[in-house]
Amino acid sequence: STVEEIKQAVHALSAIDLATFRAWFADFDADLWDLQLDQD
C-alpha cells in the first residue's frame, strides 16, 4: 500500500531529512486542521 511505502521511505531518511520532513508534516497537518475548523 501507499502508506507502507511512505513508512519505508520515512524509515530510510537521514536525520536531517527526517527533521525537515517532520517540520513540513507538522505544518501540513496544522493547515488541514485549520481548514477543517474553518469548515466546521
PDB file of all heavy atoms in Angstrom:
ATOM      1  N   SER A   1       0.829  -1.202   0.000  1.00  0.00           N
ATOM      2  CA  SER A   1       0.000   0.000   0.000  1.00  0.00           C
ATOM      3  C   SER A   1       0.869   1.260   0.000  1.00  0.00           C
ATOM      4  O   SER A   1       2.057   1.227   0.344  1.00  0.00           O
ATOM      5  CB  SER A   1      -0.906   0.014   1.227  1.00  0.00           C
ATOM      6  OG  SER A   1      -0.167   0.318   2.395  1.00  0.00           O
ATOM      7  N   THR A   2       0.261   2.352  -0.370  1.00  0.00           N
ATOM      8  CA  THR A   2       0.958   3.637  -0.370  1.00  0.00           C
ATOM      9  C   THR A   2       1.444   3.993   1.027  1.00  0.00           C
ATOM     10  O   THR A   2       2.552   4.504   1.198  1.00  0.00           O
ATOM     11  CB  THR A   2       0.037   4.745  -0.915  1.00  0.00           C
ATOM     12  OG1 THR A   2      -0.391   4.375  -2.224  1.00  0.00           O
ATOM     13  CG2 THR A   2       0.737   6.077  -0.966  1.00  0.00           C
ATOM     14  N   VAL A   3       0.634   3.701   2.033  1.00  0.00           N
ATOM     15  CA  VAL A   3       1.027   4.005   3.414  1.00  0.00           C
ATOM     16  C   VAL A   3       2.276   3.215   3.784  1.00  0.00           C
ATOM     17  O   VAL A   3       3.206   3.769   4.395  1.00  0.00           O
ATOM     18  CB  VAL A   3      -0.128   3.726   4.397  1.00  0.00           C
ATOM     19  CG1 VAL A   3       0.338   3.862   5.835  1.00  0.00           C
ATOM     20  CG2 VAL A   3      -1.298   4.657   4.128  1.00  0.00           C
ATOM     21  N   GLU A   4       2.326   1.959   3.431  1.00  0.00           N
ATOM     22  CA  GLU A   4       3.509   1.150   3.732  1.00  0.00           C
ATOM     23  C   GLU A   4       4.735   1.695   3.006  1.00  0.00           C
ATOM     24  O   GLU A   4       5.830   1.722   3.567  1.00  0.00           O
ATOM     25  CB  GLU A   4       3.269  -0.312   3.366  1.00  0.00           C
ATOM     26  CG  GLU A   4       2.328  -1.024   4.317  1.00  0.00           C
ATOM     27  CD  GLU A   4       2.797  -0.991   5.769  1.00  0.00           C
ATOM     28  OE1 GLU A   4       4.005  -1.158   6.021  1.00  0.00           O
ATOM     29  OE2 GLU A   4       1.948  -0.756   6.652  1.00  0.00           O
ATOM     30  N   GLU A   5       4.554   2.133   1.764  1.00  0.00           N
ATOM     31  CA  GLU A   5       5.665   2.712   1.005  1.00  0.00           C
ATOM     32  C   GLU A   5       6.166   3.988   1.671  1.00  0.00           C
ATOM     33  O   GLU A   5       7.380   4.219   1.764  1.00  0.00           O
ATOM     34  CB  GLU A   5       5.238   2.997  -0.434  1.00  0.00           C
ATOM     35  CG  GLU A   5       4.985   1.744  -1.238  1.00  0.00           C
ATOM     36  CD  GLU A   5       4.314   2.017  -2.577  1.00  0.00           C
ATOM     37  OE1 GLU A   5       3.857   3.153  -2.828  1.00  0.00           O
ATOM     38  OE2 GLU A   5       4.252   1.076  -3.364  1.00  0.00           O
ATOM     39  N   ILE A   6       5.243   4.800   2.154  1.00  0.00           N
ATOM     40  CA  ILE A   6       5.617   6.033   2.849  1.00  0.00           C
ATOM     41  C   ILE A   6       6.368   5.703   4.129  1.00  0.00           C
ATOM     42  O   ILE A   6       7.391   6.326   4.445  1.00  0.00           O
ATOM     43  CB  ILE A   6       4.380   6.910   3.124  1.00  0.00           C
ATOM     44  CG1 ILE A   6       3.805   7.428   1.809  1.00  0.00           C
ATOM     45  CG2 ILE A   6       4.718   8.065   4.066  1.00  0.00           C
ATOM     46  CD1 ILE A   6       2.442   8.071   1.933  1.00  0.00           C
ATOM     47  N   LYS A   7       5.873   4.732   4.875  1.00  0.00           N
ATOM     48  CA  LYS A   7       6.552   4.331   6.116  1.00  0.00           C
ATOM     49  C   LYS A   7       7.983   3.897   5.833  1.00  0.00           C
ATOM     50  O   LYS A   7       8.919   4.286   6.541  1.00  0.00           O
ATOM     51  CB  LYS A   7       5.796   3.190   6.808  1.00  0.00           C
ATOM     52  CG  LYS A   7       4.522   3.611   7.481  1.00  0.00           C
ATOM     53  CD  LYS A   7       3.879   2.383   8.118  1.00  0.00           C
ATOM     54  CE  LYS A   7       2.569   2.680   8.789  1.00  0.00           C
ATOM     55  NZ  LYS A   7       1.966   1.474   9.394  1.00  0.00           N
ATOM     56  N   GLN A   8       8.160   3.089   4.810  1.00  0.00           N
ATOM     57  CA  GLN A   8       9.502   2.625   4.457  1.00  0.00           C
ATOM     58  C   GLN A   8      10.388   3.798   4.044  1.00  0.00           C
ATOM     59  O   GLN A   8      11.571   3.857   4.415  1.00  0.00           O
ATOM     60  CB  GLN A   8       9.436   1.590   3.342  1.00  0.00           C
ATOM     61  CG  GLN A   8       8.926   0.247   3.815  1.00  0.00           C
ATOM     62  CD  GLN A   8       8.933  -0.804   2.696  1.00  0.00           C
ATOM     63  OE1 GLN A   8       9.300  -0.513   1.566  1.00  0.00           O
ATOM     64  NE2 GLN A   8       8.515  -1.999   3.040  1.00  0.00           N
ATOM     65  N   ALA A   9       9.834   4.725   3.272  1.00  0.00           N
ATOM     66  CA  ALA A   9      10.611   5.884   2.838  1.00  0.00           C
ATOM     67  C   ALA A   9      11.021   6.739   4.033  1.00  0.00           C
ATOM     68  O   ALA A   9      12.159   7.225   4.101  1.00  0.00           O
ATOM     69  CB  ALA A   9       9.806   6.711   1.837  1.00  0.00           C
ATOM     70  N   VAL A  10      10.120   6.912   4.993  1.00  0.00           N
ATOM     71  CA  VAL A  10      10.432   7.705   6.186  1.00  0.00           C
ATOM     72  C   VAL A  10      11.530   7.017   6.992  1.00  0.00           C
ATOM     73  O   VAL A  10      12.460   7.675   7.472  1.00  0.00           O
ATOM     74  CB  VAL A  10       9.162   7.949   7.036  1.00  0.00           C
ATOM     75  CG1 VAL A  10       9.517   8.533   8.402  1.00  0.00           C
ATOM     76  CG2 VAL A  10       8.200   8.869   6.293  1.00  0.00           C
ATOM     77  N   HIS A  11      11.449   5.715   7.128  1.00  0.00           N
ATOM     78  CA  HIS A  11      12.497   4.971   7.851  1.00  0.00           C
ATOM     79  C   HIS A  11      13.860   5.140   7.196  1.00  0.00           C
ATOM     80  O   HIS A  11      14.885   5.085   7.882  1.00  0.00           O
ATOM     81  CB  HIS A  11      12.144   3.482   7.931  1.00  0.00           C
ATOM     82  CG  HIS A  11      11.203   3.150   9.036  1.00  0.00           C
ATOM     83  ND1 HIS A  11      11.556   3.144  10.358  1.00  0.00           N
ATOM     84  CD2 HIS A  11       9.890   2.824   9.007  1.00  0.00           C
ATOM     85  CE1 HIS A  11      10.520   2.827  11.098  1.00  0.00           C
ATOM     86  NE2 HIS A  11       9.480   2.632  10.302  1.00  0.00           N
ATOM     87  N   ALA A  12      13.883   5.342   5.897  1.00  0.00           N
ATOM     88  CA  ALA A  12      15.143   5.443   5.166  1.00  0.00           C
ATOM     89  C   ALA A  12      15.738   6.854   5.190  1.00  0.00           C
ATOM     90  O   ALA A  12      16.865   7.053   4.732  1.00  0.00           O
ATOM     91  CB  ALA A  12      14.930   4.998   3.716  1.00  0.00           C
ATOM     92  N   LEU A  13      15.023   7.832   5.715  1.00  0.00           N
ATOM     93  CA  LEU A  13      15.514   9.208   5.718  1.00  0.00           C
ATOM     94  C   LEU A  13      16.693   9.389   6.662  1.00  0.00           C
ATOM     95  O   LEU A  13      16.747   8.773   7.732  1.00  0.00           O
ATOM     96  CB  LEU A  13      14.398  10.171   6.137  1.00  0.00           C
ATOM     97  CG  LEU A  13      13.214  10.316   5.185  1.00  0.00           C
ATOM     98  CD1 LEU A  13      12.140  11.184   5.835  1.00  0.00           C
ATOM     99  CD2 LEU A  13      13.649  10.893   3.852  1.00  0.00           C
ATOM    100  N   SER A  14      17.583  10.276   6.271  1.00  0.00           N
ATOM    101  CA  SER A  14      18.668  10.667   7.176  1.00  0.00           C
ATOM    102  C   SER A  14      18.073  11.509   8.302  1.00  0.00           C
ATOM    103  O   SER A  14      16.925  11.974   8.216  1.00  0.00           O
ATOM    104  CB  SER A  14      19.709  11.491   6.419  1.00  0.00           C
ATOM    105  OG  SER A  14      19.161  12.751   6.053  1.00  0.00           O
ATOM    106  N   ALA A  15      18.840  11.744   9.345  1.00  0.00           N
ATOM    107  CA  ALA A  15      18.359  12.532  10.479  1.00  0.00           C
ATOM    108  C   ALA A  15      17.956  13.941  10.033  1.00  0.00           C
ATOM    109  O   ALA A  15      16.920  14.472  10.467  1.00  0.00           O
ATOM    110  CB  ALA A  15      19.413  12.600  11.572  1.00  0.00           C
ATOM    111  N   ILE A  16      18.736  14.535   9.161  1.00  0.00           N
ATOM    112  CA  ILE A  16      18.432  15.890   8.684  1.00  0.00           C
ATOM    113  C   ILE A  16      17.164  15.876   7.836  1.00  0.00           C
ATOM    114  O   ILE A  16      16.284  16.737   8.004  1.00  0.00           O
ATOM    115  CB  ILE A  16      19.619  16.463   7.896  1.00  0.00           C
ATOM    116  CG1 ILE A  16      20.779  16.728   8.850  1.00  0.00           C
ATOM    117  CG2 ILE A  16      19.231  17.741   7.168  1.00  0.00           C
ATOM    118  CD1 ILE A  16      22.080  17.100   8.167  1.00  0.00           C
ATOM    119  N   ASP A  17      17.059  14.909   6.921  1.00  0.00           N
ATOM    120  CA  ASP A  17      15.860  14.834   6.089  1.00  0.00           C
ATOM    121  C   ASP A  17      14.623  14.509   6.920  1.00  0.00           C
ATOM    122  O   ASP A  17      13.538  15.018   6.644  1.00  0.00           O
ATOM    123  CB  ASP A  17      16.040  13.795   4.978  1.00  0.00           C
ATOM    124  CG  ASP A  17      16.971  14.277   3.880  1.00  0.00           C
ATOM    125  OD1 ASP A  17      17.223  15.497   3.791  1.00  0.00           O
ATOM    126  OD2 ASP A  17      17.447  13.428   3.103  1.00  0.00           O
ATOM    127  N   LEU A  18      14.789  13.687   7.948  1.00  0.00           N
ATOM    128  CA  LEU A  18      13.660  13.370   8.826  1.00  0.00           C
ATOM    129  C   LEU A  18      13.184  14.618   9.565  1.00  0.00           C
ATOM    130  O   LEU A  18      11.987  14.864   9.677  1.00  0.00           O
ATOM    131  CB  LEU A  18      14.024  12.264   9.815  1.00  0.00           C
ATOM    132  CG  LEU A  18      12.919  11.844  10.771  1.00  0.00           C
ATOM    133  CD1 LEU A  18      11.687  11.347  10.017  1.00  0.00           C
ATOM    134  CD2 LEU A  18      13.429  10.766  11.724  1.00  0.00           C
ATOM    135  N   ALA A  19      14.126  15.422  10.037  1.00  0.00           N
ATOM    136  CA  ALA A  19      13.758  16.665  10.723  1.00  0.00           C
ATOM    137  C   ALA A  19      13.028  17.609   9.764  1.00  0.00           C
ATOM    138  O   ALA A  19      12.031  18.246  10.140  1.00  0.00           O
ATOM    139  CB  ALA A  19      14.999  17.343  11.301  1.00  0.00           C
ATOM    140  N   THR A  20      13.512  17.685   8.530  1.00  0.00           N
ATOM    141  CA  THR A  20      12.860  18.523   7.525  1.00  0.00           C
ATOM    142  C   THR A  20      11.455  18.012   7.226  1.00  0.00           C
ATOM    143  O   THR A  20      10.492  18.789   7.162  1.00  0.00           O
ATOM    144  CB  THR A  20      13.702  18.549   6.238  1.00  0.00           C
ATOM    145  OG1 THR A  20      14.999  19.067   6.550  1.00  0.00           O
ATOM    146  CG2 THR A  20      13.056  19.401   5.165  1.00  0.00           C
ATOM    147  N   PHE A  21      11.344  16.703   7.060  1.00  0.00           N
ATOM    148  CA  PHE A  21      10.035  16.098   6.803  1.00  0.00           C
ATOM    149  C   PHE A  21       9.089  16.313   7.981  1.00  0.00           C
ATOM    150  O   PHE A  21       7.929  16.654   7.799  1.00  0.00           O
ATOM    151  CB  PHE A  21      10.176  14.597   6.530  1.00  0.00           C
ATOM    152  CG  PHE A  21       8.863  13.888   6.406  1.00  0.00           C
ATOM    153  CD1 PHE A  21       8.078  14.030   5.279  1.00  0.00           C
ATOM    154  CD2 PHE A  21       8.387  13.089   7.446  1.00  0.00           C
ATOM    155  CE1 PHE A  21       6.852  13.396   5.171  1.00  0.00           C
ATOM    156  CE2 PHE A  21       7.171  12.451   7.349  1.00  0.00           C
ATOM    157  CZ  PHE A  21       6.398  12.606   6.210  1.00  0.00           C
ATOM    158  N   ARG A  22       9.589  16.132   9.186  1.00  0.00           N
ATOM    159  CA  ARG A  22       8.763  16.302  10.388  1.00  0.00           C
ATOM    160  C   ARG A  22       8.210  17.721  10.465  1.00  0.00           C
ATOM    161  O   ARG A  22       7.027  17.926  10.745  1.00  0.00           O
ATOM    162  CB  ARG A  22       9.597  15.975  11.626  1.00  0.00           C
ATOM    163  CG  ARG A  22       8.801  15.981  12.912  1.00  0.00           C
ATOM    164  CD  ARG A  22       9.672  15.668  14.134  1.00  0.00           C
ATOM    165  NE  ARG A  22      10.190  14.314  14.078  1.00  0.00           N
ATOM    166  CZ  ARG A  22      11.492  13.998  14.131  1.00  0.00           C
ATOM    167  NH1 ARG A  22      12.409  14.943  14.208  1.00  0.00           N
ATOM    168  NH2 ARG A  22      11.870  12.742  14.092  1.00  0.00           N
ATOM    169  N   ALA A  23       9.049  18.711  10.205  1.00  0.00           N
ATOM    170  CA  ALA A  23       8.603  20.104  10.242  1.00  0.00           C
ATOM    171  C   ALA A  23       7.573  20.361   9.145  1.00  0.00           C
ATOM    172  O   ALA A  23       6.551  21.021   9.394  1.00  0.00           O
ATOM    173  CB  ALA A  23       9.797  21.043  10.085  1.00  0.00           C
ATOM    174  N   TRP A  24       7.840  19.838   7.941  1.00  0.00           N
ATOM    175  CA  TRP A  24       6.885  20.011   6.852  1.00  0.00           C
ATOM    176  C   TRP A  24       5.552  19.367   7.202  1.00  0.00           C
ATOM    177  O   TRP A  24       4.490  19.958   7.011  1.00  0.00           O
ATOM    178  CB  TRP A  24       7.425  19.387   5.552  1.00  0.00           C
ATOM    179  CG  TRP A  24       6.364  19.345   4.494  1.00  0.00           C
ATOM    180  CD1 TRP A  24       6.000  20.345   3.664  1.00  0.00           C
ATOM    181  CD2 TRP A  24       5.481  18.246   4.217  1.00  0.00           C
ATOM    182  NE1 TRP A  24       4.943  19.945   2.868  1.00  0.00           N
ATOM    183  CE2 TRP A  24       4.604  18.655   3.188  1.00  0.00           C
ATOM    184  CE3 TRP A  24       5.345  16.965   4.730  1.00  0.00           C
ATOM    185  CZ2 TRP A  24       3.619  17.823   2.671  1.00  0.00           C
ATOM    186  CZ3 TRP A  24       4.367  16.143   4.212  1.00  0.00           C
ATOM    187  CH2 TRP A  24       3.513  16.571   3.194  1.00  0.00           C
ATOM    188  N   PHE A  25       5.593  18.137   7.737  1.00  0.00           N
ATOM    189  CA  PHE A  25       4.356  17.434   8.030  1.00  0.00           C
ATOM    190  C   PHE A  25       3.574  18.129   9.139  1.00  0.00           C
ATOM    191  O   PHE A  25       2.341  18.198   9.087  1.00  0.00           O
ATOM    192  CB  PHE A  25       4.605  15.968   8.396  1.00  0.00           C
ATOM    193  CG  PHE A  25       3.329  15.187   8.473  1.00  0.00           C
ATOM    194  CD1 PHE A  25       2.729  14.714   7.325  1.00  0.00           C
ATOM    195  CD2 PHE A  25       2.691  14.953   9.687  1.00  0.00           C
ATOM    196  CE1 PHE A  25       1.532  14.020   7.373  1.00  0.00           C
ATOM    197  CE2 PHE A  25       1.502  14.267   9.747  1.00  0.00           C
ATOM    198  CZ  PHE A  25       0.915  13.797   8.590  1.00  0.00           C
ATOM    199  N   ALA A  26       4.255  18.664  10.132  1.00  0.00           N
ATOM    200  CA  ALA A  26       3.565  19.394  11.207  1.00  0.00           C
ATOM    201  C   ALA A  26       2.817  20.596  10.627  1.00  0.00           C
ATOM    202  O   ALA A  26       1.656  20.845  10.986  1.00  0.00           O
ATOM    203  CB  ALA A  26       4.560  19.831  12.272  1.00  0.00           C
ATOM    204  N   ASP A  27       3.466  21.326   9.731  1.00  0.00           N
ATOM    205  CA  ASP A  27       2.800  22.466   9.079  1.00  0.00           C
ATOM    206  C   ASP A  27       1.632  22.001   8.216  1.00  0.00           C
ATOM    207  O   ASP A  27       0.554  22.602   8.228  1.00  0.00           O
ATOM    208  CB  ASP A  27       3.791  23.250   8.219  1.00  0.00           C
ATOM    209  CG  ASP A  27       4.797  24.027   9.041  1.00  0.00           C
ATOM    210  OD1 ASP A  27       4.545  24.273  10.239  1.00  0.00           O
ATOM    211  OD2 ASP A  27       5.851  24.392   8.476  1.00  0.00           O
ATOM    212  N   PHE A  28       1.846  20.946   7.453  1.00  0.00           N
ATOM    213  CA  PHE A  28       0.809  20.381   6.590  1.00  0.00           C
ATOM    214  C   PHE A  28      -0.401  19.959   7.414  1.00  0.00           C
ATOM    215  O   PHE A  28      -1.544  20.299   7.094  1.00  0.00           O
ATOM    216  CB  PHE A  28       1.394  19.177   5.834  1.00  0.00           C
ATOM    217  CG  PHE A  28       0.399  18.387   5.044  1.00  0.00           C
ATOM    218  CD1 PHE A  28      -0.043  18.842   3.806  1.00  0.00           C
ATOM    219  CD2 PHE A  28      -0.075  17.168   5.519  1.00  0.00           C
ATOM    220  CE1 PHE A  28      -0.963  18.099   3.065  1.00  0.00           C
ATOM    221  CE2 PHE A  28      -0.987  16.425   4.785  1.00  0.00           C
ATOM    222  CZ  PHE A  28      -1.440  16.888   3.556  1.00  0.00           C
ATOM    223  N   ASP A  29      -0.158  19.253   8.506  1.00  0.00           N
ATOM    224  CA  ASP A  29      -1.235  18.765   9.362  1.00  0.00           C
ATOM    225  C   ASP A  29      -1.974  19.927  10.021  1.00  0.00           C
ATOM    226  O   ASP A  29      -3.207  19.923  10.114  1.00  0.00           O
ATOM    227  CB  ASP A  29      -0.653  17.815  10.408  1.00  0.00           C
ATOM    228  CG  ASP A  29      -1.698  16.965  11.078  1.00  0.00           C
ATOM    229  OD1 ASP A  29      -2.646  16.499  10.396  1.00  0.00           O
ATOM    230  OD2 ASP A  29      -1.568  16.727  12.295  1.00  0.00           O
ATOM    231  N   ALA A  30      -1.228  20.939  10.452  1.00  0.00           N
ATOM    232  CA  ALA A  30      -1.854  22.118  11.070  1.00  0.00           C
ATOM    233  C   ALA A  30      -2.743  22.850  10.065  1.00  0.00           C
ATOM    234  O   ALA A  30      -3.839  23.315  10.417  1.00  0.00           O
ATOM    235  CB  ALA A  30      -0.789  23.055  11.620  1.00  0.00           C
ATOM    236  N   ASP A  31      -2.278  22.950   8.824  1.00  0.00           N
ATOM    237  CA  ASP A  31      -3.085  23.601   7.788  1.00  0.00           C
ATOM    238  C   ASP A  31      -4.388  22.841   7.544  1.00  0.00           C
ATOM    239  O   ASP A  31      -5.455  23.453   7.396  1.00  0.00           O
ATOM    240  CB  ASP A  31      -2.302  23.722   6.482  1.00  0.00           C
ATOM    241  CG  ASP A  31      -1.183  24.749   6.555  1.00  0.00           C
ATOM    242  OD1 ASP A  31      -1.190  25.587   7.489  1.00  0.00           O
ATOM    243  OD2 ASP A  31      -0.294  24.701   5.676  1.00  0.00           O
ATOM    244  N   LEU A  32      -4.314  21.504   7.511  1.00  0.00           N
ATOM    245  CA  LEU A  32      -5.532  20.705   7.345  1.00  0.00           C
ATOM    246  C   LEU A  32      -6.479  20.891   8.517  1.00  0.00           C
ATOM    247  O   LEU A  32      -7.697  20.980   8.340  1.00  0.00           O
ATOM    248  CB  LEU A  32      -5.187  19.219   7.182  1.00  0.00           C
ATOM    249  CG  LEU A  32      -4.534  18.807   5.874  1.00  0.00           C
ATOM    250  CD1 LEU A  32      -4.228  17.311   5.886  1.00  0.00           C
ATOM    251  CD2 LEU A  32      -5.416  19.156   4.687  1.00  0.00           C
ATOM    252  N   TRP A  33      -5.924  20.928   9.727  1.00  0.00           N
ATOM    253  CA  TRP A  33      -6.729  21.148  10.936  1.00  0.00           C
ATOM    254  C   TRP A  33      -7.445  22.496  10.842  1.00  0.00           C
ATOM    255  O   TRP A  33      -8.643  22.599  11.132  1.00  0.00           O
ATOM    256  CB  TRP A  33      -5.825  21.101  12.167  1.00  0.00           C
ATOM    257  CG  TRP A  33      -6.521  21.383  13.450  1.00  0.00           C
ATOM    258  CD1 TRP A  33      -6.685  22.593  14.052  1.00  0.00           C
ATOM    259  CD2 TRP A  33      -7.175  20.435  14.299  1.00  0.00           C
ATOM    260  NE1 TRP A  33      -7.386  22.459  15.218  1.00  0.00           N
ATOM    261  CE2 TRP A  33      -7.696  21.146  15.398  1.00  0.00           C
ATOM    262  CE3 TRP A  33      -7.360  19.060  14.239  1.00  0.00           C
ATOM    263  CZ2 TRP A  33      -8.390  20.516  16.416  1.00  0.00           C
ATOM    264  CZ3 TRP A  33      -8.060  18.446  15.275  1.00  0.00           C
ATOM    265  CH2 TRP A  33      -8.564  19.166  16.339  1.00  0.00           C
ATOM    266  N   ASP A  34      -6.707  23.537  10.430  1.00  0.00           N
ATOM    267  CA  ASP A  34      -7.306  24.872  10.305  1.00  0.00           C
ATOM    268  C   ASP A  34      -8.435  24.877   9.286  1.00  0.00           C
ATOM    269  O   ASP A  34      -9.489  25.489   9.523  1.00  0.00           O
ATOM    270  CB  ASP A  34      -6.243  25.897   9.908  1.00  0.00           C
ATOM    271  CG  ASP A  34      -5.257  26.195  11.025  1.00  0.00           C
ATOM    272  OD1 ASP A  34      -5.547  25.854  12.191  1.00  0.00           O
ATOM    273  OD2 ASP A  34      -4.199  26.781  10.725  1.00  0.00           O
ATOM    274  N   LEU A  35      -8.228  24.215   8.151  1.00  0.00           N
ATOM    275  CA  LEU A  35      -9.280  24.145   7.136  1.00  0.00           C
ATOM    276  C   LEU A  35     -10.519  23.445   7.666  1.00  0.00           C
ATOM    277  O   LEU A  35     -11.652  23.900   7.432  1.00  0.00           O
ATOM    278  CB  LEU A  35      -8.765  23.425   5.887  1.00  0.00           C
ATOM    279  CG  LEU A  35      -7.767  24.186   5.029  1.00  0.00           C
ATOM    280  CD1 LEU A  35      -7.211  23.273   3.929  1.00  0.00           C
ATOM    281  CD2 LEU A  35      -8.408  25.419   4.415  1.00  0.00           C
ATOM    282  N   GLN A  36     -10.321  22.352   8.401  1.00  0.00           N
ATOM    283  CA  GLN A  36     -11.459  21.623   8.956  1.00  0.00           C
ATOM    284  C   GLN A  36     -12.190  22.471   9.992  1.00  0.00           C
ATOM    285  O   GLN A  36     -13.425  22.500  10.021  1.00  0.00           O
ATOM    286  CB  GLN A  36     -11.004  20.308   9.586  1.00  0.00           C
ATOM    287  CG  GLN A  36     -12.152  19.465  10.126  1.00  0.00           C
ATOM    288  CD  GLN A  36     -13.096  19.007   9.033  1.00  0.00           C
ATOM    289  OE1 GLN A  36     -12.682  18.365   8.079  1.00  0.00           O
ATOM    290  NE2 GLN A  36     -14.380  19.318   9.160  1.00  0.00           N
ATOM    291  N   LEU A  37     -11.436  23.176  10.828  1.00  0.00           N
ATOM    292  CA  LEU A  37     -12.052  24.035  11.832  1.00  0.00           C
ATOM    293  C   LEU A  37     -12.854  25.149  11.165  1.00  0.00           C
ATOM    294  O   LEU A  37     -13.994  25.429  11.559  1.00  0.00           O
ATOM    295  CB  LEU A  37     -10.993  24.631  12.759  1.00  0.00           C
ATOM    296  CG  LEU A  37     -11.510  25.527  13.877  1.00  0.00           C
ATOM    297  CD1 LEU A  37     -12.459  24.771  14.799  1.00  0.00           C
ATOM    298  CD2 LEU A  37     -10.368  26.123  14.657  1.00  0.00           C
ATOM    299  N   ASP A  38     -12.271  25.773  10.142  1.00  0.00           N
ATOM    300  CA  ASP A  38     -12.992  26.820   9.413  1.00  0.00           C
ATOM    301  C   ASP A  38     -14.290  26.281   8.816  1.00  0.00           C
ATOM    302  O   ASP A  38     -15.333  26.949   8.868  1.00  0.00           O
ATOM    303  CB  ASP A  38     -12.116  27.406   8.299  1.00  0.00           C
ATOM    304  CG  ASP A  38     -10.962  28.244   8.826  1.00  0.00           C
ATOM    305  OD1 ASP A  38     -10.986  28.628  10.012  1.00  0.00           O
ATOM    306  OD2 ASP A  38     -10.032  28.513   8.031  1.00  0.00           O
ATOM    307  N   GLN A  39     -14.230  25.087   8.258  1.00  0.00           N
ATOM    308  CA  GLN A  39     -15.427  24.479   7.666  1.00  0.00           C
ATOM    309  C   GLN A  39     -16.472  24.183   8.744  1.00  0.00           C
ATOM    310  O   GLN A  39     -17.662  24.443   8.558  1.00  0.00           O
ATOM    311  CB  GLN A  39     -15.053  23.199   6.931  1.00  0.00           C
ATOM    312  CG  GLN A  39     -16.222  22.550   6.223  1.00  0.00           C
ATOM    313  CD  GLN A  39     -15.805  21.290   5.455  1.00  0.00           C
ATOM    314  OE1 GLN A  39     -14.636  20.932   5.418  1.00  0.00           O
ATOM    315  NE2 GLN A  39     -16.776  20.625   4.860  1.00  0.00           N
ATOM    316  N   ASP A  40     -16.020  23.643   9.864  1.00  0.00           N
ATOM    317  CA  ASP A  40     -16.945  23.335  10.958  1.00  0.00           C
ATOM    318  C   ASP A  40     -17.620  24.597  11.489  1.00  0.00           C
ATOM    319  O   ASP A  40     -18.825  24.601  11.763  1.00  0.00           O
ATOM    320  CB  ASP A  40     -16.215  22.611  12.089  1.00  0.00           C
ATOM    321  CG  ASP A  40     -15.824  21.192  11.732  1.00  0.00           C
ATOM    322  OD1 ASP A  40     -16.326  20.648  10.723  1.00  0.00           O
ATOM    323  OD2 ASP A  40     -14.987  20.616  12.470  1.00  0.00           O
TER     324      ASP A  40
END
